[in-house]
């Protein structure tokens, strides 16, 4: 994975609640000698949104490998973003507004749960109102936002955003009032480090489970059956599958698989064998990665129930000795009263949150949680430049602490952004930085930048070392 692609993944769920301005003018580029008309939604940027990059996955292309567009054969109006591909219905495990303190409920629900993401049948056609225009657009598309002054010879760095969402939800531009690269590009222009921002849509959800739920398992050619199933039936089957907020939590229902082309082996095995792109890397986590995913396990209130949960959901082949060692490494915590006396969280909540935050296996090569991140960095060669961070911003949020995506809520005002911008430009976060130098991460001296509630510092990447080592070993022995 290239550094620009990787940093795009870190950088840009960004830009919360940005209101798209009116169209001031239009801009044009040519691909395959065809004109693509984009929008100027801010004085300093130009946007080319919803550019199709493959043929629509309909008919016999549904659930099939994507087929590129041979050549563009007509002009395109790309002033508006495409809708996302079909989204799985996500239901919050608890009523956050009723149970959590107001501040915690507001920040969690607005950033993690109940995110409105317009989707459309088979990633094909949609209509959306944006910048005072209505247009239809295919959904397997890319968005490109560039400085208005950029020309084909500018050779600017490129940030590529691949959205997250547990392979269940998400999109390149979810809705007009949500994430967009425009203010990000504007800030880079103001910092005299102009860049091009690119985001893409991709298909979501799985195959085998839907085959069963749609009744296609009785047919010899299950793919042909799925390609003809009514969209409403397909969507209902998708919604009926477990989500990241169901009881099984981060044991995701929809996962990438080894296809022999993009993923030739299990990602952890590829890392162990050194089959990783030799490029500079920045990677990191927030401190309480799994708290928002652990509310569905609140009924696990004893050591025995936690062991049963781990055995039945996470590691079905784990031995009694394995479970006992987990109990030692992750003992129960004192009861937490963050929901108030009427709704105390069980002593197991923080324990399970800690366990899950350390156990999610690398499945698509992108590092999202603590143990896999450390596993990845400690298997890179000494000649590979890499940096690590740990964010404790939002640590004081009741119940959930520095929760999943909290680092993105204030990214434009976060001191992390300056390092990331320099990294994209120079492949080194320290170039041009007047403040604290970010120590490079090595296996001999694993140092990371810790962004505290206020300020930052360099600290060793040794926290919960033995516990993470055990979790990594057991996940290698019993892959999820």
Protein backbone atom coordinates (compact mmCIF):
# COMPACT_ATOMS: atom_id res chain seq x y z
CA UNK A 1 0.00 0.00 0.00
CA UNK A 2 1.45 3.36 -0.98
CA UNK A 3 2.11 5.98 1.70
CA UNK A 4 -0.32 8.35 0.05
CA UNK A 5 -3.07 5.74 0.01
CA UNK A 6 -2.39 4.78 3.59
CA UNK A 7 -2.27 8.30 4.90
CA UNK A 8 -5.52 9.01 3.12
CA UNK A 9 -7.09 6.25 5.14
CA UNK A 10 -5.85 7.86 8.35
CA UNK A 11 -6.60 11.43 7.42
CA UNK A 12 -10.04 11.85 6.09
CA UNK A 13 -13.24 10.84 7.75
CA UNK A 14 -12.43 14.43 8.56
CA UNK A 15 -14.57 17.32 8.07
CA UNK A 16 -17.62 17.01 10.21
CA UNK A 17 -20.77 19.01 9.46
CA UNK A 18 -19.37 20.97 6.57
CA UNK A 19 -22.06 22.83 4.65
CA UNK A 20 -21.52 22.76 0.92
CA UNK A 21 -21.57 26.24 -0.58
CA UNK A 22 -23.34 27.31 -3.71
CA UNK A 23 -21.78 26.64 -7.08
CA UNK A 24 -19.82 29.67 -8.16
CA UNK A 25 -18.74 28.33 -11.53
CA UNK A 26 -17.76 25.16 -13.33
CA UNK A 27 -14.48 23.57 -14.31
CA UNK A 28 -13.57 21.14 -17.05
CA UNK A 29 -11.09 18.31 -17.60
CA UNK A 30 -10.80 15.75 -20.40
CA UNK A 31 -10.48 11.97 -20.08
CA UNK A 32 -10.36 9.81 -23.22
CA UNK A 33 -11.08 13.05 -25.10
CA UNK A 34 -14.40 13.36 -23.26
CA UNK A 35 -15.30 16.45 -21.28
CA UNK A 36 -15.94 16.11 -17.52
CA UNK A 37 -17.59 19.19 -16.07
CA UNK A 38 -16.95 19.69 -12.37
CA UNK A 39 -18.13 22.19 -9.78
CA UNK A 40 -16.50 25.09 -7.97
CA UNK A 41 -18.07 24.79 -4.52
CA UNK A 42 -15.51 27.07 -2.90
CA UNK A 43 -13.40 29.95 -4.24
CA UNK A 44 -10.11 28.02 -4.07
CA UNK A 45 -11.08 24.47 -5.05
CA UNK A 46 -12.58 22.54 -7.93
CA UNK A 47 -14.52 19.31 -7.44
CA UNK A 48 -15.10 16.45 -9.86
CA UNK A 49 -17.56 14.19 -8.08
CA UNK A 50 -19.06 10.85 -8.98
CA UNK A 51 -16.70 9.88 -11.80
CA UNK A 52 -17.53 6.27 -12.74
CA UNK A 53 -14.49 3.99 -12.81
CA UNK A 54 -16.14 0.62 -13.61
CA UNK A 55 -19.21 -0.62 -15.41
CA UNK A 56 -22.37 -0.66 -13.24
CA UNK A 57 -22.53 -3.99 -11.32
CA UNK A 58 -26.00 -4.98 -12.50
CA UNK A 59 -27.38 -8.14 -14.08
CA UNK A 60 -24.64 -10.71 -14.54
CA UNK A 61 -22.10 -8.23 -13.08
CA UNK A 62 -23.79 -8.20 -9.66
CA UNK A 63 -21.46 -9.90 -7.14
CA UNK A 64 -18.91 -10.30 -9.92
CA UNK A 65 -15.40 -8.89 -10.22
CA UNK A 66 -15.53 -5.25 -11.23
CA UNK A 67 -15.26 -4.65 -14.96
CA UNK A 68 -13.40 -1.47 -15.99
CA UNK A 69 -14.88 1.03 -18.40
CA UNK A 70 -12.91 0.51 -21.66
CA UNK A 71 -13.08 4.17 -22.67
CA UNK A 72 -15.31 7.06 -21.78
CA UNK A 73 -17.61 7.56 -24.74
CA UNK A 74 -19.50 10.74 -23.88
CA UNK A 75 -19.32 13.88 -21.79
CA UNK A 76 -20.06 13.74 -18.04
CA UNK A 77 -21.48 16.26 -15.60
CA UNK A 78 -19.54 15.46 -12.41
CA UNK A 79 -20.69 18.31 -10.21
CA UNK A 80 -22.38 16.07 -7.64
CA UNK A 81 -21.29 13.07 -5.56
CA UNK A 82 -22.67 9.60 -6.10
CA UNK A 83 -24.66 7.77 -3.49
CA UNK A 84 -23.00 4.92 -1.66
CA UNK A 85 -23.59 1.27 -2.43
CA UNK A 86 -26.36 -0.54 -0.48
CA UNK A 87 -25.88 -0.10 3.26
CA UNK A 88 -26.61 -2.56 6.01
CA UNK A 89 -29.13 -1.32 8.55
CA UNK A 90 -27.22 -0.45 11.73
CA UNK A 91 -29.13 -0.43 15.00
CA UNK A 92 -27.65 1.02 18.20
CA UNK A 93 -27.46 -1.61 20.96
CA UNK A 94 -28.72 0.81 23.61
CA UNK A 95 -30.60 4.09 23.79
CA UNK A 96 -27.59 6.34 24.26
CA UNK A 97 -29.64 9.48 24.74
CA UNK A 98 -31.59 7.90 27.60
CA UNK A 99 -28.68 6.19 29.32
CA UNK A 100 -25.49 8.18 28.75
CA UNK A 101 -24.74 11.66 29.99
CA UNK A 102 -25.87 14.18 27.36
CA UNK A 103 -22.37 15.14 26.22
CA UNK A 104 -21.30 11.53 25.77
CA UNK A 105 -24.53 10.53 24.02
CA UNK A 106 -24.30 13.43 21.61
CA UNK A 107 -20.71 12.86 20.54
CA UNK A 108 -21.09 9.07 20.20
CA UNK A 109 -24.34 9.05 18.26
CA UNK A 110 -23.25 11.82 15.92
CA UNK A 111 -19.90 10.24 15.12
CA UNK A 112 -20.41 6.47 15.24
CA UNK A 113 -24.05 5.41 15.31
CA UNK A 114 -27.05 6.32 13.20
CA UNK A 115 -25.00 7.98 10.46
CA UNK A 116 -27.28 8.79 7.51
CA UNK A 117 -25.61 7.48 4.36
CA UNK A 118 -27.69 7.69 1.17
CA UNK A 119 -27.46 4.39 -0.68
CA UNK A 120 -28.92 3.03 -3.87
CA UNK A 121 -29.84 -0.27 -5.49
CA UNK A 122 -26.87 -2.16 -6.90
CA UNK A 123 -24.59 0.91 -6.71
CA UNK A 124 -26.20 2.13 -9.90
CA UNK A 125 -28.25 5.31 -10.16
CA UNK A 126 -29.36 7.94 -7.72
CA UNK A 127 -30.56 11.51 -7.58
CA UNK A 128 -29.22 13.97 -5.01
CA UNK A 129 -29.58 17.68 -4.37
CA UNK A 130 -26.29 19.46 -3.87
CA UNK A 131 -24.92 22.83 -4.84
CA UNK A 132 -28.45 23.69 -6.03
CA UNK A 133 -28.51 21.09 -8.76
CA UNK A 134 -30.20 17.73 -9.23
CA UNK A 135 -28.45 15.01 -11.15
CA UNK A 136 -28.35 11.23 -11.60
CA UNK A 137 -25.11 9.40 -11.00
CA UNK A 138 -23.70 5.89 -10.83
CA UNK A 139 -22.37 4.86 -7.40
CA UNK A 140 -19.10 2.99 -8.10
CA UNK A 141 -17.24 6.22 -8.54
CA UNK A 142 -14.38 8.39 -7.37
CA UNK A 143 -14.39 12.01 -6.21
CA UNK A 144 -11.47 14.32 -6.99
CA UNK A 145 -11.05 17.69 -5.28
CA UNK A 146 -8.12 19.84 -6.32
CA UNK A 147 -6.82 23.37 -5.77
CA UNK A 148 -8.29 25.68 -8.40
CA UNK A 149 -4.77 26.76 -9.35
CA UNK A 150 -3.55 23.20 -10.01
CA UNK A 151 -2.63 22.28 -13.57
CA UNK A 152 -1.62 18.97 -15.21
CA UNK A 153 2.02 19.90 -14.63
CA UNK A 154 1.70 20.86 -10.94
CA UNK A 155 2.63 17.36 -9.72
CA UNK A 156 0.90 17.79 -6.37
CA UNK A 157 0.81 15.11 -3.66
CA UNK A 158 -2.40 13.06 -3.60
CA UNK A 159 -4.33 11.91 -0.54
CA UNK A 160 -6.61 8.93 -1.17
CA UNK A 161 -9.46 8.29 1.27
CA UNK A 162 -10.84 4.75 1.63
CA UNK A 163 -13.84 4.94 3.93
CA UNK A 164 -14.30 2.62 6.90
CA UNK A 165 -17.48 1.08 8.27
CA UNK A 166 -16.81 -2.58 9.02
CA UNK A 167 -17.53 -3.49 5.37
CA UNK A 168 -21.17 -2.79 6.24
CA UNK A 169 -21.70 0.96 5.79
CA UNK A 170 -19.95 3.97 4.36
CA UNK A 171 -19.33 5.96 1.22
CA UNK A 172 -16.97 8.44 -0.39
CA UNK A 173 -19.34 11.33 0.27
CA UNK A 174 -22.16 10.12 2.53
CA UNK A 175 -24.36 13.20 2.37
CA UNK A 176 -24.19 16.93 1.56
CA UNK A 177 -23.66 17.94 5.20
CA UNK A 178 -21.08 15.32 6.11
CA UNK A 179 -17.57 14.38 5.05
CA UNK A 180 -16.04 16.07 2.03
CA UNK A 181 -12.50 16.89 1.10
CA UNK A 182 -13.18 20.53 0.21
CA UNK A 183 -12.34 22.17 3.57
CA UNK A 184 -9.35 19.86 3.92
CA UNK A 185 -7.93 20.96 0.57
CA UNK A 186 -8.68 24.57 1.50
CA UNK A 187 -6.68 24.24 4.72
CA UNK A 188 -3.75 22.72 2.85
CA UNK A 189 -3.81 25.61 0.39
CA UNK A 190 -3.78 28.07 3.30
CA UNK A 191 -0.78 26.23 4.77
CA UNK A 192 1.01 26.57 1.42
CA UNK A 193 1.03 22.78 0.99
CA UNK A 194 -1.58 22.22 -1.74
CA UNK A 195 -2.67 18.66 -2.43
CA UNK A 196 -5.27 16.72 -4.40
CA UNK A 197 -7.93 14.79 -2.46
CA UNK A 198 -9.41 11.59 -3.89
CA UNK A 199 -12.17 9.39 -2.40
CA UNK A 200 -13.86 6.30 -3.78
CA UNK A 201 -16.96 4.18 -3.33
CA UNK A 202 -16.78 0.40 -3.06
CA UNK A 203 -19.27 -2.42 -2.65
CA UNK A 204 -20.21 -3.68 0.80
CA UNK A 205 -21.44 -6.87 2.50
CA UNK A 206 -20.89 -10.56 1.94
CA UNK A 207 -21.84 -13.48 -0.25
CA UNK A 208 -22.35 -16.76 1.61
CA UNK A 209 -24.71 -15.45 4.28
CA UNK A 210 -26.84 -13.66 1.70
CA UNK A 211 -26.98 -16.82 -0.42
CA UNK A 212 -28.67 -18.57 2.49
CA UNK A 213 -30.97 -15.71 3.49
CA UNK A 214 -32.25 -15.14 -0.05
CA UNK A 215 -33.01 -18.83 -0.62
CA UNK A 216 -30.34 -19.16 -3.30
CA UNK A 217 -28.52 -21.97 -1.48
CA UNK A 218 -30.85 -24.52 -3.08
CA UNK A 219 -29.63 -23.63 -6.56
CA UNK A 220 -26.51 -25.16 -8.09
CA UNK A 221 -25.45 -21.77 -9.49
CA UNK A 222 -25.85 -19.54 -6.45
CA UNK A 223 -24.24 -16.56 -8.18
CA UNK A 224 -26.72 -16.67 -11.03
CA UNK A 225 -29.53 -16.82 -8.49
CA UNK A 226 -28.25 -13.80 -6.58
CA UNK A 227 -27.90 -11.84 -9.78
CA UNK A 228 -31.64 -12.14 -10.40
CA UNK A 229 -32.94 -11.74 -6.83
CA UNK A 230 -35.17 -8.70 -6.33
CA UNK A 231 -33.28 -5.84 -4.71
CA UNK A 232 -35.75 -5.60 -1.80
CA UNK A 233 -35.16 -9.28 -0.96
CA UNK A 234 -31.41 -8.78 -1.21
CA UNK A 235 -31.48 -5.69 0.99
CA UNK A 236 -33.62 -7.46 3.63
CA UNK A 237 -31.10 -10.32 3.71
CA UNK A 238 -28.28 -7.83 4.14
CA UNK A 239 -30.05 -6.06 7.00
CA UNK A 240 -30.78 -9.36 8.78
CA UNK A 241 -27.11 -10.21 9.15
CA UNK A 242 -25.18 -9.25 12.32
CA UNK A 243 -23.64 -5.79 12.41
CA UNK A 244 -20.63 -4.36 14.21
CA UNK A 245 -22.99 -3.41 17.05
CA UNK A 246 -24.59 -6.83 17.41
CA UNK A 247 -23.64 -9.31 20.14
CA UNK A 248 -20.74 -10.68 18.11
CA UNK A 249 -19.47 -7.11 17.87
CA UNK A 250 -16.14 -6.82 16.06
CA UNK A 251 -16.13 -10.37 14.75
CA UNK A 252 -17.35 -8.87 11.51
CA UNK A 253 -19.98 -10.57 9.40
CA UNK A 254 -18.53 -9.16 6.19
CA UNK A 255 -14.83 -9.74 5.63
CA UNK A 256 -12.40 -9.67 2.72
CA UNK A 257 -11.12 -13.06 1.67
CA UNK A 258 -8.03 -14.45 0.00
CA UNK A 259 -8.77 -14.21 -3.70
CA UNK A 260 -5.31 -15.14 -4.94
CA UNK A 261 -5.02 -11.76 -6.66
CA UNK A 262 -5.28 -8.84 -4.25
CA UNK A 263 -4.92 -10.93 -1.09
CA UNK A 264 -2.81 -13.96 -1.90
CA UNK A 265 -2.72 -15.18 1.71
CA UNK A 266 -4.02 -14.35 5.17
CA UNK A 267 -2.83 -10.75 5.82
CA UNK A 268 -1.07 -11.70 9.04
CA UNK A 269 0.87 -14.39 7.19
CA UNK A 270 1.84 -11.89 4.51
CA UNK A 271 3.21 -9.60 7.23
CA UNK A 272 5.15 -12.46 8.82
CA UNK A 273 6.69 -13.30 5.45
CA UNK A 274 7.68 -9.70 4.81
CA UNK A 275 5.34 -9.37 1.84
CA UNK A 276 4.58 -5.72 2.61
CA UNK A 277 5.17 -2.66 0.45
CA UNK A 278 8.48 -1.09 1.42
CA UNK A 279 7.21 2.48 1.84
CA UNK A 280 7.15 4.99 4.71
CA UNK A 281 4.17 4.53 7.02
CA UNK A 282 2.31 6.36 9.77
CA UNK A 283 -0.16 4.33 11.79
CA UNK A 284 -1.89 4.67 15.13
CA UNK A 285 -4.98 4.31 17.28
CA UNK A 286 -7.17 6.15 19.70
CA UNK A 287 -6.84 4.89 23.27
CA UNK A 288 -10.31 3.35 23.79
CA UNK A 289 -10.90 1.85 20.37
CA UNK A 290 -13.64 -0.65 21.24
CA UNK A 291 -15.79 0.97 23.91
CA UNK A 292 -18.55 1.93 21.47
CA UNK A 293 -18.60 -1.65 20.15
CA UNK A 294 -18.98 -3.26 23.57
CA UNK A 295 -22.42 -2.09 24.67
CA UNK A 296 -23.96 -5.19 23.10
CA UNK A 297 -22.07 -7.31 25.67
CA UNK A 298 -23.45 -5.62 28.79
CA UNK A 299 -25.21 -8.86 29.79
CA UNK A 300 -21.81 -10.51 30.34
CA UNK A 301 -21.46 -9.69 34.03
CA UNK A 302 -19.27 -12.49 35.45
CA UNK A 303 -15.93 -14.10 34.65
CA UNK A 304 -17.73 -17.24 33.52
CA UNK A 305 -19.99 -15.31 31.14
CA UNK A 306 -17.03 -13.46 29.66
CA UNK A 307 -15.17 -16.72 29.06
CA UNK A 308 -18.29 -18.16 27.43
CA UNK A 309 -18.58 -15.09 25.22
CA UNK A 310 -14.95 -15.33 24.12
CA UNK A 311 -15.22 -19.06 23.50
CA UNK A 312 -18.47 -18.90 21.53
CA UNK A 313 -17.83 -15.74 19.52
CA UNK A 314 -14.11 -15.11 19.25
CA UNK A 315 -12.08 -18.31 19.61
CA UNK A 316 -14.20 -21.43 19.35
CA UNK A 317 -11.09 -23.63 19.48
CA UNK A 318 -9.57 -21.97 22.52
CA UNK A 319 -8.70 -24.27 25.40
CA UNK A 320 -9.61 -23.82 29.06
CA UNK A 321 -5.98 -22.83 29.64
CA UNK A 322 -6.22 -20.14 26.94
CA UNK A 323 -9.33 -18.70 28.55
CA UNK A 324 -7.72 -18.76 31.98
CA UNK A 325 -4.71 -16.84 30.68
CA UNK A 326 -7.06 -14.26 29.17
CA UNK A 327 -8.69 -13.90 32.58
CA UNK A 328 -5.27 -13.20 34.04
CA UNK A 329 -4.27 -10.67 31.40
CA UNK A 330 -7.66 -8.94 31.39
CA UNK A 331 -9.14 -9.10 34.90
CA UNK A 332 -12.50 -7.53 35.62
CA UNK A 333 -12.52 -3.84 36.55
CA UNK A 334 -14.44 -2.07 39.31
CA UNK A 335 -18.06 -1.31 38.50
CA UNK A 336 -18.38 1.85 36.42
CA UNK A 337 -21.22 4.22 37.31
CA UNK A 338 -20.99 6.30 34.14
CA UNK A 339 -24.62 5.60 33.30
CA UNK A 340 -25.74 6.81 36.70
CA UNK A 341 -26.88 4.71 39.69
CA UNK A 342 -29.88 3.41 37.76
CA UNK A 343 -27.79 2.04 34.90
CA UNK A 344 -24.38 0.92 36.18
CA UNK A 345 -22.14 -0.67 33.57
CA UNK A 346 -20.95 -4.10 34.65
CA UNK A 347 -17.35 -4.67 35.81
CA UNK A 348 -16.85 -6.60 32.56
CA UNK A 349 -17.57 -3.68 30.24
CA UNK A 350 -14.13 -2.07 30.32
CA UNK A 351 -12.59 -5.51 30.33
CA UNK A 352 -14.38 -6.57 27.17
CA UNK A 353 -13.72 -3.20 25.60
CA UNK A 354 -10.02 -3.67 26.28
CA UNK A 355 -10.08 -7.22 25.01
CA UNK A 356 -11.80 -6.32 21.77
CA UNK A 357 -9.63 -3.28 21.21
CA UNK A 358 -6.59 -5.55 21.21
CA UNK A 359 -7.96 -8.49 19.30
CA UNK A 360 -9.30 -7.41 15.95
CA UNK A 361 -7.30 -9.24 13.32
CA UNK A 362 -5.92 -7.58 10.23
CA UNK A 363 -8.17 -8.78 7.44
CA UNK A 364 -7.77 -6.31 4.62
CA UNK A 365 -4.28 -5.11 5.37
CA UNK A 366 -5.39 -1.90 7.00
CA UNK A 367 -4.41 -1.61 10.59
CA UNK A 368 -7.18 -0.45 12.79
CA UNK A 369 -6.61 -1.63 16.37
CA UNK A 370 -3.85 -1.91 18.88
CA UNK A 371 -2.37 -5.44 18.75
CA UNK A 372 -2.43 -5.78 14.95
CA UNK A 373 -0.90 -2.34 14.64
CA UNK A 374 1.97 -3.33 16.92
CA UNK A 375 2.27 -6.75 15.24
CA UNK A 376 2.57 -5.04 11.87
CA UNK A 377 5.12 -2.45 12.94
CA UNK A 378 7.33 -4.94 14.75
CA UNK A 379 7.51 -7.16 11.67
CA UNK A 380 8.69 -4.43 9.32
CA UNK A 381 12.37 -4.38 8.36
CA UNK A 382 14.67 -1.92 10.13
CA UNK A 383 15.23 -0.09 6.85
CA UNK A 384 11.55 0.83 6.53
CA UNK A 385 10.69 4.27 7.85
CA UNK A 386 7.67 4.23 10.13
CA UNK A 387 5.99 6.31 12.82
CA UNK A 388 3.29 5.46 15.36
CA UNK A 389 0.80 7.46 17.40
CA UNK A 390 -1.70 6.99 20.22
CA UNK A 391 -4.47 9.55 20.69
CA UNK A 392 -6.03 10.22 24.10
CA UNK A 393 -8.00 13.24 22.97
CA UNK A 394 -11.63 12.92 24.13
CA UNK A 395 -10.33 10.70 26.95
CA UNK A 396 -12.67 12.46 29.39
CA UNK A 397 -15.81 11.47 27.43
CA UNK A 398 -17.96 9.62 30.00
CA UNK A 399 -18.14 5.83 29.57
CA UNK A 400 -16.40 5.65 26.20
CA UNK A 401 -13.21 7.68 26.67
CA UNK A 402 -11.10 8.29 23.57
CA UNK A 403 -13.49 6.25 21.46
CA UNK A 404 -13.36 4.97 17.88
CA UNK A 405 -13.27 7.89 15.38
CA UNK A 406 -12.75 10.48 18.13
CA UNK A 407 -9.41 11.41 16.56
CA UNK A 408 -11.27 12.45 13.42
CA UNK A 409 -13.78 14.76 15.07
CA UNK A 410 -11.31 17.60 15.46
CA UNK A 411 -8.69 16.58 12.94
CA UNK A 412 -8.48 19.94 11.22
CA UNK A 413 -7.61 21.58 14.54
CA UNK A 414 -5.60 18.61 15.84
CA UNK A 415 -1.81 18.94 15.99
CA UNK A 416 -1.65 15.53 14.29
CA UNK A 417 -2.75 17.10 11.02
CA UNK A 418 0.47 19.11 10.59
CA UNK A 419 2.54 15.96 10.89
CA UNK A 420 0.31 14.09 8.44
CA UNK A 421 0.43 16.84 5.85
CA UNK A 422 4.22 16.94 6.04
CA UNK A 423 4.34 13.18 5.73
CA UNK A 424 2.25 13.20 2.56
CA UNK A 425 4.40 15.94 1.07
CA UNK A 426 7.86 14.78 2.16
CA UNK A 427 7.32 11.18 3.39
CA UNK A 428 8.59 12.41 6.74
CA UNK A 429 6.30 14.04 9.36
CA UNK A 430 9.11 16.17 10.80
CA UNK A 431 10.00 18.21 7.71
CA UNK A 432 8.94 21.78 8.29
CA UNK A 433 7.69 21.15 11.84
CA UNK A 434 8.77 23.80 14.35
CA UNK A 435 7.48 21.92 17.40
CA UNK A 436 8.21 18.51 18.87
CA UNK A 437 10.08 16.05 16.63
CA UNK A 438 8.26 12.76 16.04
CA UNK A 439 10.69 9.96 16.84
CA UNK A 440 10.87 7.23 14.23
CA UNK A 441 9.56 3.81 15.28
CA UNK A 442 11.99 0.88 15.26
CA UNK A 443 11.79 -2.66 16.62
CA UNK A 444 14.82 -1.94 18.79
CA UNK A 445 13.28 1.25 20.18
CA UNK A 446 9.51 1.34 19.58
CA UNK A 447 8.64 4.96 20.28
CA UNK A 448 5.33 6.63 19.49
CA UNK A 449 3.76 10.07 19.63
CA UNK A 450 1.10 10.19 22.34
CA UNK A 451 -1.47 12.94 21.91
CA UNK A 452 -2.73 13.53 25.42
CA UNK A 453 -5.88 15.35 26.43
CA UNK A 454 -3.75 18.46 26.20
CA UNK A 455 -0.36 18.47 24.54
CA UNK A 456 1.73 15.59 23.26
CA UNK A 457 4.81 13.56 24.16
CA UNK A 458 7.03 10.74 22.92
CA UNK A 459 6.39 7.50 24.81
CA UNK A 460 7.40 3.83 24.43
CA UNK A 461 5.08 1.42 22.64
CA UNK A 462 5.20 -1.11 25.45
CA UNK A 463 1.83 -0.76 27.17
CA UNK A 464 0.08 -4.11 27.87
CA UNK A 465 2.99 -5.78 26.13
CA UNK A 466 2.58 -9.36 27.40
CA UNK A 467 -1.20 -9.29 27.01
CA UNK A 468 -0.97 -8.14 23.39
CA UNK A 469 1.69 -10.72 22.63
CA UNK A 470 -0.56 -13.49 23.89
CA UNK A 471 -3.55 -12.17 21.95
CA UNK A 472 -1.50 -11.98 18.77
CA UNK A 473 -0.28 -15.55 19.19
CA UNK A 474 -3.75 -16.93 19.84
CA UNK A 475 -5.19 -15.04 16.87
CA UNK A 476 -2.46 -16.52 14.67
CA UNK A 477 -3.32 -19.98 15.97
CA UNK A 478 -7.08 -19.51 15.64
CA UNK A 479 -7.74 -16.93 12.90
CA UNK A 480 -11.19 -15.34 13.04
